[in-house]
Amino acid sequence: MKGQRDNAGHAEKTKKRKVLLSVGAALFGVQSDQNRHRDFSQATPWPYIIGGILLILLFVGLLVMLSQWVAS
């Protein structure tokens, strides 16, 4: 039973990692066709939408901090 829970947790971490890597690659314009087809064949787009919003907010936050650091 514990082995099944460990595998499920690992699969969830792997899925989250794939979503973040996929969204990051798409944001920088280096997404491969194979990964793009895999992403668009998923049942729901919500993990990619949420991941994209989070990465954009992170990117904008880093730009704001960098600009404040340079201006000071």
PDB file of N, CA and C in Angstrom:
ATOM      1  N   MET A   1       0.815  -1.180   0.000  1.00  0.00           N
ATOM      2  CA  MET A   1       0.000   0.000   0.000  1.00  0.00           C
ATOM      3  C   MET A   1       0.864   1.252   0.000  1.00  0.00           C
ATOM      4  N   LYS A   2       1.917   1.250   0.837  1.00  0.00           N
ATOM      5  CA  LYS A   2       2.779   2.417   0.914  1.00  0.00           C
ATOM      6  C   LYS A   2       3.491   2.653  -0.412  1.00  0.00           C
ATOM      7  N   GLY A   3       3.870   1.605  -1.093  1.00  0.00           N
ATOM      8  CA  GLY A   3       4.534   1.725  -2.385  1.00  0.00           C
ATOM      9  C   GLY A   3       3.657   2.425  -3.408  1.00  0.00           C
ATOM     10  N   GLN A   4       2.356   2.150  -3.358  1.00  0.00           N
ATOM     11  CA  GLN A   4       1.438   2.807  -4.287  1.00  0.00           C
ATOM     12  C   GLN A   4       1.343   4.293  -3.995  1.00  0.00           C
ATOM     13  N   ARG A   5       1.327   4.675  -2.711  1.00  0.00           N
ATOM     14  CA  ARG A   5       1.269   6.096  -2.349  1.00  0.00           C
ATOM     15  C   ARG A   5       2.557   6.796  -2.764  1.00  0.00           C
ATOM     16  N   ASP A   6       3.702   6.137  -2.586  1.00  0.00           N
ATOM     17  CA  ASP A   6       4.973   6.719  -2.986  1.00  0.00           C
ATOM     18  C   ASP A   6       5.015   6.943  -4.489  1.00  0.00           C
ATOM     19  N   ASN A   7       4.528   5.958  -5.249  1.00  0.00           N
ATOM     20  CA  ASN A   7       4.500   6.092  -6.703  1.00  0.00           C
ATOM     21  C   ASN A   7       3.567   7.208  -7.133  1.00  0.00           C
ATOM     22  N   ALA A   8       2.426   7.352  -6.472  1.00  0.00           N
ATOM     23  CA  ALA A   8       1.468   8.408  -6.805  1.00  0.00           C
ATOM     24  C   ALA A   8       2.073   9.772  -6.499  1.00  0.00           C
ATOM     25  N   GLY A   9       2.753   9.901  -5.377  1.00  0.00           N
ATOM     26  CA  GLY A   9       3.408  11.158  -5.021  1.00  0.00           C
ATOM     27  C   GLY A   9       4.509  11.504  -5.996  1.00  0.00           C
ATOM     28  N   HIS A  10       5.268  10.518  -6.402  1.00  0.00           N
ATOM     29  CA  HIS A  10       6.340  10.738  -7.377  1.00  0.00           C
ATOM     30  C   HIS A  10       5.766  11.122  -8.732  1.00  0.00           C
ATOM     31  N   ALA A  11       4.684  10.484  -9.130  1.00  0.00           N
ATOM     32  CA  ALA A  11       4.045  10.802 -10.409  1.00  0.00           C
ATOM     33  C   ALA A  11       3.514  12.234 -10.392  1.00  0.00           C
ATOM     34  N   GLU A  12       2.953  12.664  -9.263  1.00  0.00           N
ATOM     35  CA  GLU A  12       2.430  14.022  -9.138  1.00  0.00           C
ATOM     36  C   GLU A  12       3.561  15.042  -9.226  1.00  0.00           C
ATOM     37  N   LYS A  13       4.697  14.762  -8.558  1.00  0.00           N
ATOM     38  CA  LYS A  13       5.851  15.663  -8.625  1.00  0.00           C
ATOM     39  C   LYS A  13       6.389  15.727 -10.046  1.00  0.00           C
ATOM     40  N   THR A  14       6.440  14.592 -10.717  1.00  0.00           N
ATOM     41  CA  THR A  14       6.920  14.544 -12.086  1.00  0.00           C
ATOM     42  C   THR A  14       5.996  15.336 -13.000  1.00  0.00           C
ATOM     43  N   LYS A  15       4.691  15.218 -12.793  1.00  0.00           N
ATOM     44  CA  LYS A  15       3.735  15.952 -13.619  1.00  0.00           C
ATOM     45  C   LYS A  15       3.887  17.451 -13.401  1.00  0.00           C
ATOM     46  N   LYS A  16       4.009  17.874 -12.141  1.00  0.00           N
ATOM     47  CA  LYS A  16       4.193  19.291 -11.852  1.00  0.00           C
ATOM     48  C   LYS A  16       5.477  19.809 -12.487  1.00  0.00           C
ATOM     49  N   ARG A  17       6.520  19.015 -12.415  1.00  0.00           N
ATOM     50  CA  ARG A  17       7.804  19.419 -12.996  1.00  0.00           C
ATOM     51  C   ARG A  17       7.688  19.548 -14.517  1.00  0.00           C
ATOM     52  N   LYS A  18       7.017  18.592 -15.150  1.00  0.00           N
ATOM     53  CA  LYS A  18       6.840  18.647 -16.601  1.00  0.00           C
ATOM     54  C   LYS A  18       6.028  19.861 -17.015  1.00  0.00           C
ATOM     55  N   VAL A  19       5.000  20.191 -16.233  1.00  0.00           N
ATOM     56  CA  VAL A  19       4.168  21.359 -16.543  1.00  0.00           C
ATOM     57  C   VAL A  19       5.014  22.628 -16.441  1.00  0.00           C
ATOM     58  N   LEU A  20       5.781  22.772 -15.353  1.00  0.00           N
ATOM     59  CA  LEU A  20       6.596  23.973 -15.186  1.00  0.00           C
ATOM     60  C   LEU A  20       7.680  24.084 -16.253  1.00  0.00           C
ATOM     61  N   LEU A  21       8.315  22.973 -16.592  1.00  0.00           N
ATOM     62  CA  LEU A  21       9.324  23.000 -17.649  1.00  0.00           C
ATOM     63  C   LEU A  21       8.701  23.337 -18.994  1.00  0.00           C
ATOM     64  N   SER A  22       7.532  22.799 -19.242  1.00  0.00           N
ATOM     65  CA  SER A  22       6.837  23.052 -20.495  1.00  0.00           C
ATOM     66  C   SER A  22       6.414  24.515 -20.602  1.00  0.00           C
ATOM     67  N   VAL A  23       5.862  25.052 -19.505  1.00  0.00           N
ATOM     68  CA  VAL A  23       5.435  26.453 -19.508  1.00  0.00           C
ATOM     69  C   VAL A  23       6.651  27.367 -19.646  1.00  0.00           C
ATOM     70  N   GLY A  24       7.719  27.058 -18.941  1.00  0.00           N
ATOM     71  CA  GLY A  24       8.937  27.862 -19.040  1.00  0.00           C
ATOM     72  C   GLY A  24       9.516  27.856 -20.449  1.00  0.00           C
ATOM     73  N   ALA A  25       9.548  26.695 -21.062  1.00  0.00           N
ATOM     74  CA  ALA A  25      10.057  26.603 -22.432  1.00  0.00           C
ATOM     75  C   ALA A  25       9.167  27.381 -23.390  1.00  0.00           C
ATOM     76  N   ALA A  26       7.866  27.327 -23.185  1.00  0.00           N
ATOM     77  CA  ALA A  26       6.943  28.058 -24.050  1.00  0.00           C
ATOM     78  C   ALA A  26       7.108  29.569 -23.869  1.00  0.00           C
ATOM     79  N   LEU A  27       7.331  30.018 -22.625  1.00  0.00           N
ATOM     80  CA  LEU A  27       7.511  31.448 -22.380  1.00  0.00           C
ATOM     81  C   LEU A  27       8.747  31.992 -23.083  1.00  0.00           C
ATOM     82  N   PHE A  28       9.797  31.185 -23.155  1.00  0.00           N
ATOM     83  CA  PHE A  28      11.022  31.625 -23.800  1.00  0.00           C
ATOM     84  C   PHE A  28      11.082  31.261 -25.281  1.00  0.00           C
ATOM     85  N   GLY A  29      10.045  30.608 -25.783  1.00  0.00           N
ATOM     86  CA  GLY A  29       9.956  30.308 -27.207  1.00  0.00           C
ATOM     87  C   GLY A  29      10.815  29.159 -27.675  1.00  0.00           C
ATOM     88  N   VAL A  30      11.140  28.240 -26.790  1.00  0.00           N
ATOM     89  CA  VAL A  30      11.985  27.107 -27.171  1.00  0.00           C
ATOM     90  C   VAL A  30      11.273  25.769 -26.985  1.00  0.00           C
ATOM     91  N   GLN A  31       9.950  25.791 -26.985  1.00  0.00           N
ATOM     92  CA  GLN A  31       9.147  24.583 -26.804  1.00  0.00           C
ATOM     93  C   GLN A  31       9.259  23.695 -28.042  1.00  0.00           C
ATOM     94  N   SER A  32       9.530  22.415 -27.849  1.00  0.00           N
ATOM     95  CA  SER A  32       9.622  21.497 -28.981  1.00  0.00           C
ATOM     96  C   SER A  32       8.224  21.102 -29.454  1.00  0.00           C
ATOM     97  N   ASP A  33       8.123  20.712 -30.699  1.00  0.00           N
ATOM     98  CA  ASP A  33       6.838  20.283 -31.259  1.00  0.00           C
ATOM     99  C   ASP A  33       6.282  19.075 -30.517  1.00  0.00           C
ATOM    100  N   GLN A  34       7.161  18.152 -30.172  1.00  0.00           N
ATOM    101  CA  GLN A  34       6.739  16.941 -29.472  1.00  0.00           C
ATOM    102  C   GLN A  34       6.114  17.298 -28.122  1.00  0.00           C
ATOM    103  N   ASN A  35       6.759  18.176 -27.367  1.00  0.00           N
ATOM    104  CA  ASN A  35       6.213  18.577 -26.068  1.00  0.00           C
ATOM    105  C   ASN A  35       4.934  19.388 -26.227  1.00  0.00           C
ATOM    106  N   ARG A  36       4.865  20.223 -27.236  1.00  0.00           N
ATOM    107  CA  ARG A  36       3.665  21.019 -27.467  1.00  0.00           C
ATOM    108  C   ARG A  36       2.474  20.118 -27.774  1.00  0.00           C
ATOM    109  N   HIS A  37       2.690  19.104 -28.604  1.00  0.00           N
ATOM    110  CA  HIS A  37       1.612  18.155 -28.912  1.00  0.00           C
ATOM    111  C   HIS A  37       1.195  17.379 -27.661  1.00  0.00           C
ATOM    112  N   ARG A  38       2.171  16.993 -26.845  1.00  0.00           N
ATOM    113  CA  ARG A  38       1.862  16.290 -25.596  1.00  0.00           C
ATOM    114  C   ARG A  38       1.028  17.185 -24.675  1.00  0.00           C
ATOM    115  N   ASP A  39       1.407  18.452 -24.585  1.00  0.00           N
ATOM    116  CA  ASP A  39       0.689  19.380 -23.701  1.00  0.00           C
ATOM    117  C   ASP A  39      -0.740  19.608 -24.170  1.00  0.00           C
ATOM    118  N   PHE A  40      -0.936  19.770 -25.466  1.00  0.00           N
ATOM    119  CA  PHE A  40      -2.271  20.042 -25.982  1.00  0.00           C
ATOM    120  C   PHE A  40      -3.161  18.800 -26.013  1.00  0.00           C
ATOM    121  N   SER A  41      -2.578  17.628 -25.787  1.00  0.00           N
ATOM    122  CA  SER A  41      -3.389  16.411 -25.753  1.00  0.00           C
ATOM    123  C   SER A  41      -3.882  16.093 -24.338  1.00  0.00           C
ATOM    124  N   GLN A  42      -3.522  16.906 -23.358  1.00  0.00           N
ATOM    125  CA  GLN A  42      -3.967  16.690 -21.982  1.00  0.00           C
ATOM    126  C   GLN A  42      -5.454  16.976 -21.862  1.00  0.00           C
ATOM    127  N   ALA A  43      -6.052  16.401 -20.830  1.00  0.00           N
ATOM    128  CA  ALA A  43      -7.502  16.524 -20.636  1.00  0.00           C
ATOM    129  C   ALA A  43      -7.919  17.939 -20.262  1.00  0.00           C
ATOM    130  N   THR A  44      -7.092  18.639 -19.518  1.00  0.00           N
ATOM    131  CA  THR A  44      -7.460  19.975 -19.060  1.00  0.00           C
ATOM    132  C   THR A  44      -6.277  20.933 -19.203  1.00  0.00           C
ATOM    133  N   PRO A  45      -6.528  22.161 -19.599  1.00  0.00           N
ATOM    134  CA  PRO A  45      -5.436  23.121 -19.754  1.00  0.00           C
ATOM    135  C   PRO A  45      -5.104  23.868 -18.458  1.00  0.00           C
ATOM    136  N   TRP A  46      -5.872  23.657 -17.388  1.00  0.00           N
ATOM    137  CA  TRP A  46      -5.708  24.452 -16.174  1.00  0.00           C
ATOM    138  C   TRP A  46      -4.324  24.388 -15.549  1.00  0.00           C
ATOM    139  N   PRO A  47      -3.649  23.248 -15.474  1.00  0.00           N
ATOM    140  CA  PRO A  47      -2.295  23.272 -14.904  1.00  0.00           C
ATOM    141  C   PRO A  47      -1.343  24.184 -15.694  1.00  0.00           C
ATOM    142  N   TYR A  48      -1.510  24.226 -17.004  1.00  0.00           N
ATOM    143  CA  TYR A  48      -0.650  25.056 -17.844  1.00  0.00           C
ATOM    144  C   TYR A  48      -1.009  26.540 -17.696  1.00  0.00           C
ATOM    145  N   ILE A  49      -2.287  26.833 -17.553  1.00  0.00           N
ATOM    146  CA  ILE A  49      -2.726  28.219 -17.367  1.00  0.00           C
ATOM    147  C   ILE A  49      -2.214  28.747 -16.029  1.00  0.00           C
ATOM    148  N   ILE A  50      -2.405  27.969 -14.979  1.00  0.00           N
ATOM    149  CA  ILE A  50      -1.959  28.378 -13.645  1.00  0.00           C
ATOM    150  C   ILE A  50      -0.433  28.493 -13.607  1.00  0.00           C
ATOM    151  N   GLY A  51       0.254  27.523 -14.198  1.00  0.00           N
ATOM    152  CA  GLY A  51       1.718  27.570 -14.255  1.00  0.00           C
ATOM    153  C   GLY A  51       2.215  28.779 -15.023  1.00  0.00           C
ATOM    154  N   GLY A  52       1.551  29.109 -16.124  1.00  0.00           N
ATOM    155  CA  GLY A  52       1.940  30.281 -16.905  1.00  0.00           C
ATOM    156  C   GLY A  52       1.755  31.567 -16.132  1.00  0.00           C
ATOM    157  N   ILE A  53       0.632  31.690 -15.437  1.00  0.00           N
ATOM    158  CA  ILE A  53       0.388  32.891 -14.636  1.00  0.00           C
ATOM    159  C   ILE A  53       1.429  33.016 -13.530  1.00  0.00           C
ATOM    160  N   LEU A  54       1.729  31.910 -12.854  1.00  0.00           N
ATOM    161  CA  LEU A  54       2.720  31.950 -11.778  1.00  0.00           C
ATOM    162  C   LEU A  54       4.105  32.317 -12.293  1.00  0.00           C
ATOM    163  N   LEU A  55       4.514  31.742 -13.410  1.00  0.00           N
ATOM    164  CA  LEU A  55       5.835  32.056 -13.941  1.00  0.00           C
ATOM    165  C   LEU A  55       5.919  33.497 -14.453  1.00  0.00           C
ATOM    166  N   ILE A  56       4.851  34.010 -15.026  1.00  0.00           N
ATOM    167  CA  ILE A  56       4.845  35.404 -15.475  1.00  0.00           C
ATOM    168  C   ILE A  56       4.925  36.337 -14.271  1.00  0.00           C
ATOM    169  N   LEU A  57       4.170  36.039 -13.201  1.00  0.00           N
ATOM    170  CA  LEU A  57       4.241  36.855 -11.992  1.00  0.00           C
ATOM    171  C   LEU A  57       5.645  36.815 -11.381  1.00  0.00           C
ATOM    172  N   LEU A  58       6.259  35.660 -11.369  1.00  0.00           N
ATOM    173  CA  LEU A  58       7.624  35.528 -10.874  1.00  0.00           C
ATOM    174  C   LEU A  58       8.593  36.347 -11.726  1.00  0.00           C
ATOM    175  N   PHE A  59       8.455  36.276 -13.029  1.00  0.00           N
ATOM    176  CA  PHE A  59       9.315  37.008 -13.948  1.00  0.00           C
ATOM    177  C   PHE A  59       9.158  38.520 -13.756  1.00  0.00           C
ATOM    178  N   VAL A  60       7.929  38.984 -13.661  1.00  0.00           N
ATOM    179  CA  VAL A  60       7.677  40.412 -13.457  1.00  0.00           C
ATOM    180  C   VAL A  60       8.221  40.858 -12.103  1.00  0.00           C
ATOM    181  N   GLY A  61       8.023  40.050 -11.069  1.00  0.00           N
ATOM    182  CA  GLY A  61       8.567  40.370  -9.755  1.00  0.00           C
ATOM    183  C   GLY A  61      10.081  40.482  -9.774  1.00  0.00           C
ATOM    184  N   LEU A  62      10.739  39.570 -10.478  1.00  0.00           N
ATOM    185  CA  LEU A  62      12.197  39.644 -10.601  1.00  0.00           C
ATOM    186  C   LEU A  62      12.637  40.896 -11.354  1.00  0.00           C
ATOM    187  N   LEU A  63      11.899  41.264 -12.388  1.00  0.00           N
ATOM    188  CA  LEU A  63      12.238  42.489 -13.124  1.00  0.00           C
ATOM    189  C   LEU A  63      12.067  43.728 -12.257  1.00  0.00           C
ATOM    190  N   VAL A  64      11.008  43.778 -11.456  1.00  0.00           N
ATOM    191  CA  VAL A  64      10.785  44.911 -10.555  1.00  0.00           C
ATOM    192  C   VAL A  64      11.912  44.999  -9.527  1.00  0.00           C
ATOM    193  N   MET A  65      12.270  43.871  -8.929  1.00  0.00           N
ATOM    194  CA  MET A  65      13.351  43.876  -7.939  1.00  0.00           C
ATOM    195  C   MET A  65      14.677  44.285  -8.570  1.00  0.00           C
ATOM    196  N   LEU A  66      14.949  43.792  -9.769  1.00  0.00           N
ATOM    197  CA  LEU A  66      16.188  44.146 -10.453  1.00  0.00           C
ATOM    198  C   LEU A  66      16.222  45.635 -10.787  1.00  0.00           C
ATOM    199  N   SER A  67      15.116  46.174 -11.254  1.00  0.00           N
ATOM    200  CA  SER A  67      15.088  47.597 -11.599  1.00  0.00           C
ATOM    201  C   SER A  67      15.225  48.463 -10.348  1.00  0.00           C
ATOM    202  N   GLN A  68      14.639  48.048  -9.238  1.00  0.00           N
ATOM    203  CA  GLN A  68      14.798  48.807  -7.990  1.00  0.00           C
ATOM    204  C   GLN A  68      16.243  48.731  -7.489  1.00  0.00           C
ATOM    205  N   TRP A  69      16.861  47.595  -7.637  1.00  0.00           N
ATOM    206  CA  TRP A  69      18.253  47.432  -7.207  1.00  0.00           C
ATOM    207  C   TRP A  69      19.173  48.302  -8.056  1.00  0.00           C
ATOM    208  N   VAL A  70      18.941  48.328  -9.368  1.00  0.00           N
ATOM    209  CA  VAL A  70      19.787  49.121 -10.256  1.00  0.00           C
ATOM    210  C   VAL A  70      19.557  50.618 -10.008  1.00  0.00           C
ATOM    211  N   ALA A  71      18.324  51.027  -9.732  1.00  0.00           N
ATOM    212  CA  ALA A  71      18.009  52.430  -9.519  1.00  0.00           C
ATOM    213  C   ALA A  71      18.515  52.947  -8.180  1.00  0.00           C
ATOM    214  N   SER A  72      18.791  52.066  -7.230  1.00  0.00           N
ATOM    215  CA  SER A  72      19.236  52.536  -5.925  1.00  0.00           C
ATOM    216  C   SER A  72      20.733  52.798  -5.870  1.00  0.00           C
TER     217      SER A  72
END
